[in-house]
Amino acid sequence: MEKKIKESVGTLLAHIIKIDNRDVKKEAPLFCEIMGQNFECNSDEAETFLYAMMNKDYDLDKHIEIINDALCDDKLSKFHLLEQLNHIIYSDTISEEDYKVFEDIKERLFAC
């Protein structure tokens, strides 16, 4: 289960980088730091995952569902995840779309 949660959280964070067409090389250190804090993965593993996500299709709804299943009763962890998502958003130019995506994810995470 931990592997699924790790992949889902990584996908959620990478999603912001991907939809904004951000400079992956610039965003990679922050992504790696967050993934290392949450899942004790090394920078190489996290960076490889991030670059793979840029060229991969994924079902964001499925990944949010996995996170919800794992953290349904753990609101503090959900808030922490939103804080990290927000950190990725604020690491570069913020768009109106960023706010919409953040609000959508927040609503779905707390629908449980």
N, C-alpha and C. Protein backbone atom coordinates (compact mmCIF):
# COMPACT_ATOMS: atom_id res chain seq x y z
N MET A 1 0.82 -1.20 0.00
CA MET A 1 0.00 0.00 0.00
C MET A 1 0.87 1.26 0.00
N GLU A 2 1.97 1.22 0.74
CA GLU A 2 2.85 2.39 0.80
C GLU A 2 3.35 2.78 -0.59
N LYS A 3 3.65 1.78 -1.43
CA LYS A 3 4.13 2.06 -2.78
C LYS A 3 3.05 2.78 -3.59
N LYS A 4 1.79 2.35 -3.44
CA LYS A 4 0.69 3.01 -4.15
C LYS A 4 0.52 4.45 -3.69
N ILE A 5 0.59 4.68 -2.39
CA ILE A 5 0.44 6.04 -1.85
C ILE A 5 1.59 6.91 -2.34
N LYS A 6 2.79 6.37 -2.31
CA LYS A 6 3.97 7.09 -2.79
C LYS A 6 3.79 7.51 -4.25
N GLU A 7 3.35 6.58 -5.07
CA GLU A 7 3.13 6.87 -6.49
C GLU A 7 2.01 7.90 -6.67
N SER A 8 0.97 7.79 -5.88
CA SER A 8 -0.16 8.71 -6.02
C SER A 8 0.19 10.12 -5.57
N VAL A 9 0.90 10.24 -4.46
CA VAL A 9 1.34 11.56 -4.00
C VAL A 9 2.32 12.16 -5.01
N GLY A 10 3.25 11.37 -5.49
CA GLY A 10 4.18 11.84 -6.52
C GLY A 10 3.47 12.30 -7.77
N THR A 11 2.45 11.56 -8.17
CA THR A 11 1.68 11.93 -9.36
C THR A 11 0.95 13.24 -9.14
N LEU A 12 0.37 13.40 -7.97
CA LEU A 12 -0.35 14.63 -7.64
C LEU A 12 0.58 15.84 -7.69
N LEU A 13 1.75 15.71 -7.11
CA LEU A 13 2.72 16.81 -7.12
C LEU A 13 3.25 17.07 -8.53
N ALA A 14 3.55 16.00 -9.25
CA ALA A 14 4.06 16.14 -10.62
C ALA A 14 3.00 16.74 -11.54
N HIS A 15 1.74 16.50 -11.23
CA HIS A 15 0.64 17.01 -12.05
C HIS A 15 0.71 18.53 -12.17
N ILE A 16 0.98 19.21 -11.08
CA ILE A 16 1.08 20.68 -11.09
C ILE A 16 2.21 21.12 -12.00
N ILE A 17 3.33 20.46 -11.91
CA ILE A 17 4.48 20.80 -12.75
C ILE A 17 4.14 20.56 -14.22
N LYS A 18 3.47 19.48 -14.49
CA LYS A 18 3.14 19.11 -15.87
C LYS A 18 2.11 20.04 -16.50
N ILE A 19 1.02 20.32 -15.78
CA ILE A 19 -0.05 21.12 -16.40
C ILE A 19 0.36 22.56 -16.64
N ASP A 20 1.31 23.04 -15.86
CA ASP A 20 1.79 24.41 -16.04
C ASP A 20 2.96 24.51 -17.01
N ASN A 21 3.37 23.38 -17.56
CA ASN A 21 4.53 23.36 -18.45
C ASN A 21 5.73 24.04 -17.80
N ARG A 22 5.94 23.73 -16.53
CA ARG A 22 7.05 24.33 -15.80
C ARG A 22 8.37 23.68 -16.21
N ASP A 23 9.44 24.34 -15.90
CA ASP A 23 10.77 23.83 -16.16
C ASP A 23 11.05 22.68 -15.19
N VAL A 24 11.01 21.47 -15.69
CA VAL A 24 11.15 20.29 -14.84
C VAL A 24 12.49 20.30 -14.12
N LYS A 25 13.52 20.71 -14.80
CA LYS A 25 14.84 20.74 -14.19
C LYS A 25 14.86 21.69 -12.98
N LYS A 26 14.18 22.80 -13.11
CA LYS A 26 14.10 23.78 -12.02
C LYS A 26 13.24 23.27 -10.86
N GLU A 27 12.18 22.55 -11.17
CA GLU A 27 11.24 22.07 -10.15
C GLU A 27 11.71 20.76 -9.49
N ALA A 28 12.60 20.04 -10.13
CA ALA A 28 13.03 18.73 -9.63
C ALA A 28 13.58 18.76 -8.20
N PRO A 29 14.43 19.71 -7.82
CA PRO A 29 14.96 19.69 -6.44
C PRO A 29 13.86 19.78 -5.38
N LEU A 30 12.87 20.63 -5.61
CA LEU A 30 11.77 20.75 -4.64
C LEU A 30 10.94 19.46 -4.61
N PHE A 31 10.65 18.92 -5.77
CA PHE A 31 9.91 17.67 -5.85
C PHE A 31 10.66 16.57 -5.10
N CYS A 32 11.95 16.47 -5.35
CA CYS A 32 12.77 15.43 -4.71
C CYS A 32 12.81 15.63 -3.19
N GLU A 33 12.90 16.87 -2.76
CA GLU A 33 12.91 17.15 -1.32
C GLU A 33 11.61 16.70 -0.66
N ILE A 34 10.48 17.03 -1.28
CA ILE A 34 9.18 16.66 -0.72
C ILE A 34 9.02 15.14 -0.70
N MET A 35 9.36 14.49 -1.79
CA MET A 35 9.23 13.03 -1.85
C MET A 35 10.18 12.36 -0.84
N GLY A 36 11.36 12.92 -0.67
CA GLY A 36 12.30 12.38 0.31
C GLY A 36 11.79 12.51 1.73
N GLN A 37 11.18 13.65 2.04
CA GLN A 37 10.62 13.86 3.38
C GLN A 37 9.46 12.91 3.66
N ASN A 38 8.62 12.71 2.67
CA ASN A 38 7.42 11.90 2.86
C ASN A 38 7.69 10.40 2.79
N PHE A 39 8.61 10.00 1.92
CA PHE A 39 8.75 8.57 1.62
C PHE A 39 10.18 8.06 1.69
N GLU A 40 11.08 8.88 2.18
CA GLU A 40 12.48 8.48 2.33
C GLU A 40 13.07 7.92 1.04
N CYS A 41 12.65 8.47 -0.09
CA CYS A 41 13.28 8.04 -1.34
C CYS A 41 14.41 9.01 -1.67
N ASN A 42 15.40 8.51 -2.37
CA ASN A 42 16.54 9.36 -2.68
C ASN A 42 16.23 10.27 -3.87
N SER A 43 17.07 11.23 -4.09
CA SER A 43 16.85 12.22 -5.15
C SER A 43 16.81 11.58 -6.54
N ASP A 44 17.66 10.62 -6.77
CA ASP A 44 17.67 9.97 -8.10
C ASP A 44 16.35 9.28 -8.38
N GLU A 45 15.83 8.56 -7.40
CA GLU A 45 14.55 7.87 -7.56
C GLU A 45 13.43 8.86 -7.82
N ALA A 46 13.38 9.92 -7.03
CA ALA A 46 12.32 10.92 -7.17
C ALA A 46 12.42 11.65 -8.50
N GLU A 47 13.63 12.01 -8.90
CA GLU A 47 13.82 12.72 -10.16
C GLU A 47 13.45 11.84 -11.35
N THR A 48 13.83 10.58 -11.30
CA THR A 48 13.46 9.64 -12.37
C THR A 48 11.95 9.54 -12.48
N PHE A 49 11.27 9.44 -11.34
CA PHE A 49 9.82 9.37 -11.32
C PHE A 49 9.21 10.64 -11.93
N LEU A 50 9.71 11.81 -11.52
CA LEU A 50 9.19 13.08 -12.03
C LEU A 50 9.32 13.16 -13.54
N TYR A 51 10.49 12.86 -14.06
CA TYR A 51 10.69 12.93 -15.51
C TYR A 51 9.79 11.94 -16.25
N ALA A 52 9.59 10.78 -15.66
CA ALA A 52 8.71 9.78 -16.28
C ALA A 52 7.27 10.29 -16.33
N MET A 53 6.85 11.00 -15.30
CA MET A 53 5.47 11.50 -15.24
C MET A 53 5.20 12.56 -16.31
N MET A 54 6.23 13.26 -16.73
CA MET A 54 6.05 14.31 -17.73
C MET A 54 5.62 13.74 -19.07
N ASN A 55 5.93 12.49 -19.33
CA ASN A 55 5.60 11.86 -20.61
C ASN A 55 4.57 10.74 -20.46
N LYS A 56 3.94 10.68 -19.33
CA LYS A 56 3.04 9.56 -19.04
C LYS A 56 1.61 10.07 -18.88
N ASP A 57 0.66 9.28 -19.36
CA ASP A 57 -0.74 9.56 -19.10
C ASP A 57 -1.10 8.89 -17.77
N TYR A 58 -1.92 9.54 -17.00
CA TYR A 58 -2.33 8.99 -15.71
C TYR A 58 -3.75 9.44 -15.41
N ASP A 59 -4.38 8.72 -14.53
CA ASP A 59 -5.73 9.03 -14.10
C ASP A 59 -5.64 9.71 -12.74
N LEU A 60 -5.69 11.03 -12.74
CA LEU A 60 -5.54 11.79 -11.50
C LEU A 60 -6.63 11.42 -10.50
N ASP A 61 -7.84 11.18 -10.98
CA ASP A 61 -8.93 10.79 -10.08
C ASP A 61 -8.60 9.52 -9.31
N LYS A 62 -8.00 8.56 -9.99
CA LYS A 62 -7.61 7.30 -9.36
C LYS A 62 -6.59 7.54 -8.25
N HIS A 63 -5.64 8.42 -8.52
CA HIS A 63 -4.60 8.69 -7.53
C HIS A 63 -5.16 9.46 -6.33
N ILE A 64 -6.07 10.36 -6.57
CA ILE A 64 -6.72 11.06 -5.45
C ILE A 64 -7.54 10.07 -4.62
N GLU A 65 -8.19 9.15 -5.27
CA GLU A 65 -8.96 8.11 -4.58
C GLU A 65 -8.05 7.25 -3.69
N ILE A 66 -6.89 6.88 -4.20
CA ILE A 66 -5.94 6.08 -3.42
C ILE A 66 -5.49 6.86 -2.18
N ILE A 67 -5.19 8.13 -2.36
CA ILE A 67 -4.79 8.98 -1.23
C ILE A 67 -5.93 9.08 -0.23
N ASN A 68 -7.14 9.30 -0.72
CA ASN A 68 -8.30 9.39 0.16
C ASN A 68 -8.52 8.11 0.95
N ASP A 69 -8.39 6.99 0.29
CA ASP A 69 -8.56 5.71 0.98
C ASP A 69 -7.53 5.55 2.10
N ALA A 70 -6.32 5.97 1.82
CA ALA A 70 -5.24 5.82 2.81
C ALA A 70 -5.35 6.84 3.95
N LEU A 71 -5.82 8.03 3.64
CA LEU A 71 -5.81 9.12 4.63
C LEU A 71 -7.21 9.58 5.04
N CYS A 72 -8.20 8.78 4.79
CA CYS A 72 -9.59 9.20 5.00
C CYS A 72 -9.82 9.86 6.36
N ASP A 73 -9.33 9.28 7.43
CA ASP A 73 -9.55 9.82 8.76
C ASP A 73 -8.39 10.67 9.27
N ASP A 74 -7.40 10.90 8.45
CA ASP A 74 -6.20 11.62 8.86
C ASP A 74 -6.16 13.00 8.21
N LYS A 75 -6.94 13.92 8.77
CA LYS A 75 -7.04 15.26 8.20
C LYS A 75 -5.72 16.02 8.28
N LEU A 76 -4.96 15.79 9.30
CA LEU A 76 -3.67 16.46 9.44
C LEU A 76 -2.73 16.11 8.29
N SER A 77 -2.69 14.85 7.92
CA SER A 77 -1.86 14.43 6.79
C SER A 77 -2.37 15.02 5.48
N LYS A 78 -3.67 15.13 5.35
CA LYS A 78 -4.24 15.75 4.15
C LYS A 78 -3.85 17.22 4.07
N PHE A 79 -3.92 17.92 5.20
CA PHE A 79 -3.50 19.32 5.21
C PHE A 79 -2.02 19.45 4.87
N HIS A 80 -1.22 18.53 5.38
CA HIS A 80 0.22 18.54 5.08
C HIS A 80 0.45 18.33 3.58
N LEU A 81 -0.30 17.42 2.99
CA LEU A 81 -0.19 17.19 1.55
C LEU A 81 -0.59 18.44 0.76
N LEU A 82 -1.65 19.10 1.18
CA LEU A 82 -2.07 20.34 0.52
C LEU A 82 -1.01 21.43 0.67
N GLU A 83 -0.37 21.46 1.82
CA GLU A 83 0.70 22.44 2.05
C GLU A 83 1.85 22.19 1.06
N GLN A 84 2.19 20.93 0.85
CA GLN A 84 3.26 20.59 -0.08
C GLN A 84 2.85 20.89 -1.52
N LEU A 85 1.62 20.61 -1.85
CA LEU A 85 1.10 20.93 -3.18
C LEU A 85 1.17 22.44 -3.41
N ASN A 86 0.79 23.18 -2.40
CA ASN A 86 0.84 24.64 -2.47
C ASN A 86 2.29 25.13 -2.63
N HIS A 87 3.20 24.45 -1.98
CA HIS A 87 4.63 24.80 -2.09
C HIS A 87 5.11 24.64 -3.55
N ILE A 88 4.67 23.59 -4.20
CA ILE A 88 5.01 23.39 -5.62
C ILE A 88 4.39 24.51 -6.45
N ILE A 89 3.14 24.84 -6.17
CA ILE A 89 2.45 25.89 -6.93
C ILE A 89 3.18 27.22 -6.80
N TYR A 90 3.58 27.57 -5.58
CA TYR A 90 4.22 28.86 -5.34
C TYR A 90 5.69 28.90 -5.75
N SER A 91 6.24 27.79 -6.18
CA SER A 91 7.65 27.77 -6.55
C SER A 91 7.91 28.43 -7.90
N ASP A 92 6.85 28.76 -8.62
CA ASP A 92 6.98 29.39 -9.93
C ASP A 92 5.80 30.35 -10.11
N THR A 93 5.68 30.92 -11.27
CA THR A 93 4.59 31.83 -11.56
C THR A 93 3.25 31.14 -11.32
N ILE A 94 2.38 31.83 -10.61
CA ILE A 94 1.08 31.26 -10.24
C ILE A 94 0.03 31.74 -11.25
N SER A 95 -0.78 30.78 -11.69
CA SER A 95 -1.84 31.12 -12.65
C SER A 95 -3.20 30.87 -12.01
N GLU A 96 -4.22 31.39 -12.65
CA GLU A 96 -5.59 31.16 -12.21
C GLU A 96 -5.90 29.66 -12.22
N GLU A 97 -5.37 28.97 -13.21
CA GLU A 97 -5.58 27.52 -13.31
C GLU A 97 -5.00 26.78 -12.10
N ASP A 98 -3.87 27.26 -11.58
CA ASP A 98 -3.27 26.65 -10.39
C ASP A 98 -4.25 26.67 -9.22
N TYR A 99 -4.90 27.82 -9.02
CA TYR A 99 -5.87 27.94 -7.94
C TYR A 99 -7.03 26.98 -8.13
N LYS A 100 -7.51 26.88 -9.37
CA LYS A 100 -8.62 25.97 -9.65
C LYS A 100 -8.25 24.52 -9.37
N VAL A 101 -7.07 24.13 -9.82
CA VAL A 101 -6.61 22.76 -9.60
C VAL A 101 -6.46 22.49 -8.11
N PHE A 102 -5.85 23.43 -7.39
CA PHE A 102 -5.66 23.27 -5.95
C PHE A 102 -7.00 23.12 -5.24
N GLU A 103 -7.95 23.99 -5.55
CA GLU A 103 -9.27 23.93 -4.92
C GLU A 103 -9.99 22.63 -5.25
N ASP A 104 -9.87 22.18 -6.48
CA ASP A 104 -10.50 20.93 -6.88
C ASP A 104 -9.91 19.75 -6.09
N ILE A 105 -8.61 19.71 -5.98
CA ILE A 105 -7.95 18.63 -5.24
C ILE A 105 -8.34 18.71 -3.76
N LYS A 106 -8.34 19.91 -3.22
CA LYS A 106 -8.72 20.08 -1.81
C LYS A 106 -10.13 19.57 -1.55
N GLU A 107 -11.07 19.92 -2.40
CA GLU A 107 -12.45 19.47 -2.23
C GLU A 107 -12.55 17.96 -2.29
N ARG A 108 -11.82 17.35 -3.23
CA ARG A 108 -11.89 15.90 -3.37
C ARG A 108 -11.20 15.18 -2.22
N LEU A 109 -10.13 15.76 -1.69
CA LEU A 109 -9.45 15.12 -0.56
C LEU A 109 -10.30 15.16 0.72
N PHE A 110 -11.11 16.20 0.85
CA PHE A 110 -11.91 16.33 2.07
C PHE A 110 -13.37 15.93 1.87
N ALA A 111 -13.65 15.26 0.77
CA ALA A 111 -15.00 14.76 0.51
C ALA A 111 -15.28 13.49 1.32
N CYS A 112 -14.25 12.88 1.79
CA CYS A 112 -14.33 11.59 2.51
C CYS A 112 -14.83 11.81 3.93
